[in-house]
Amino acid sequence: MEILKKLLHEQLRLLREERNWSLEDLSRKTQIGIEKLTSYENGNLVPSTSTILKLSNVLEVPVSNLLDGLQGN
């Protein structure tokens, strides 16, 4: 679980920043609160499977792109 938290938050932040989206933008698009998104990006909280699916849909990337770091490290 620790590995998932560390790598997911890095990917999530990277994908959001690549799109030049603020946390507010991502929150609006996903209907996920800014506080939760901040916790995901800081690695303090691991999103549920359904939340990961929602994030991947909004970010327009396969779920594997959010979890890529798991295989790489």
Protein backbone atom coordinates (compact mmCIF):
# COMPACT_ATOMS: atom_id res chain seq x y z
CA MET A 1 0.00 0.00 0.00
CA GLU A 2 2.89 2.37 0.78
CA ILE A 3 4.31 1.91 -2.73
CA LEU A 4 0.92 2.60 -4.29
CA LYS A 5 0.54 5.84 -2.32
CA LYS A 6 4.00 7.07 -3.28
CA LEU A 7 3.85 6.35 -6.99
CA LEU A 8 0.23 7.17 -7.64
CA HIS A 9 0.60 10.65 -6.21
CA GLU A 10 3.58 11.38 -8.45
CA GLN A 11 1.72 10.25 -11.57
CA LEU A 12 -1.45 12.11 -10.66
CA ARG A 13 0.38 15.38 -10.11
CA LEU A 14 2.44 14.95 -13.27
CA LEU A 15 -0.60 14.25 -15.45
CA ARG A 16 -2.49 17.20 -13.97
CA GLU A 17 0.45 19.57 -14.43
CA GLU A 18 1.01 18.37 -18.02
CA ARG A 19 -2.48 19.68 -18.78
CA ASN A 20 -1.81 22.96 -16.97
CA TRP A 21 -4.77 22.24 -14.68
CA SER A 22 -5.01 23.57 -11.17
CA LEU A 23 -6.38 21.42 -8.37
CA GLU A 24 -9.55 23.48 -8.71
CA ASP A 25 -9.80 22.54 -12.40
CA LEU A 26 -9.38 18.84 -11.66
CA SER A 27 -11.85 19.07 -8.79
CA ARG A 28 -14.47 20.66 -11.02
CA LYS A 29 -13.98 18.08 -13.77
CA THR A 30 -14.02 15.04 -11.45
CA GLN A 31 -16.45 16.26 -8.76
CA ILE A 32 -13.80 15.26 -6.19
CA GLY A 33 -13.07 17.75 -3.43
CA ILE A 34 -9.84 19.74 -3.51
CA GLU A 35 -8.92 18.45 -0.06
CA LYS A 36 -9.14 14.84 -1.25
CA LEU A 37 -7.21 15.56 -4.44
CA THR A 38 -4.53 17.26 -2.35
CA SER A 39 -4.33 14.18 -0.11
CA TYR A 40 -3.98 11.94 -3.17
CA GLU A 41 -1.23 14.13 -4.64
CA ASN A 42 0.60 14.37 -1.32
CA GLY A 43 0.48 10.59 -0.93
CA ASN A 44 -1.54 10.81 2.28
CA LEU A 45 -4.55 8.98 0.88
CA VAL A 46 -5.03 6.26 -1.74
CA PRO A 47 -8.06 6.73 -4.00
CA SER A 48 -10.58 3.93 -4.38
CA THR A 49 -10.72 1.92 -7.57
CA SER A 50 -13.76 3.88 -8.75
CA THR A 51 -11.96 7.16 -8.07
CA ILE A 52 -8.91 5.98 -10.02
CA LEU A 53 -11.23 5.14 -12.93
CA LYS A 54 -12.85 8.58 -12.72
CA LEU A 55 -9.44 10.30 -12.66
CA SER A 56 -8.20 8.29 -15.63
CA ASN A 57 -11.34 9.17 -17.63
CA VAL A 58 -11.08 12.89 -16.89
CA LEU A 59 -7.33 12.95 -17.52
CA GLU A 60 -7.97 10.93 -20.70
CA VAL A 61 -5.32 8.32 -19.94
CA PRO A 62 -5.53 4.58 -19.34
CA VAL A 63 -5.65 3.54 -15.69
CA SER A 64 -2.22 2.00 -16.22
CA ASN A 65 -0.79 5.51 -16.75
CA LEU A 66 -1.75 6.39 -13.18
CA LEU A 67 -0.17 3.18 -11.91
CA ASP A 68 2.85 3.00 -14.26
CA GLY A 69 5.32 3.68 -11.50
CA LEU A 70 4.35 0.46 -9.76
CA GLN A 71 6.08 -1.62 -12.41
CA GLY A 72 8.98 0.79 -12.88
CA ASN A 73 10.11 0.88 -9.28
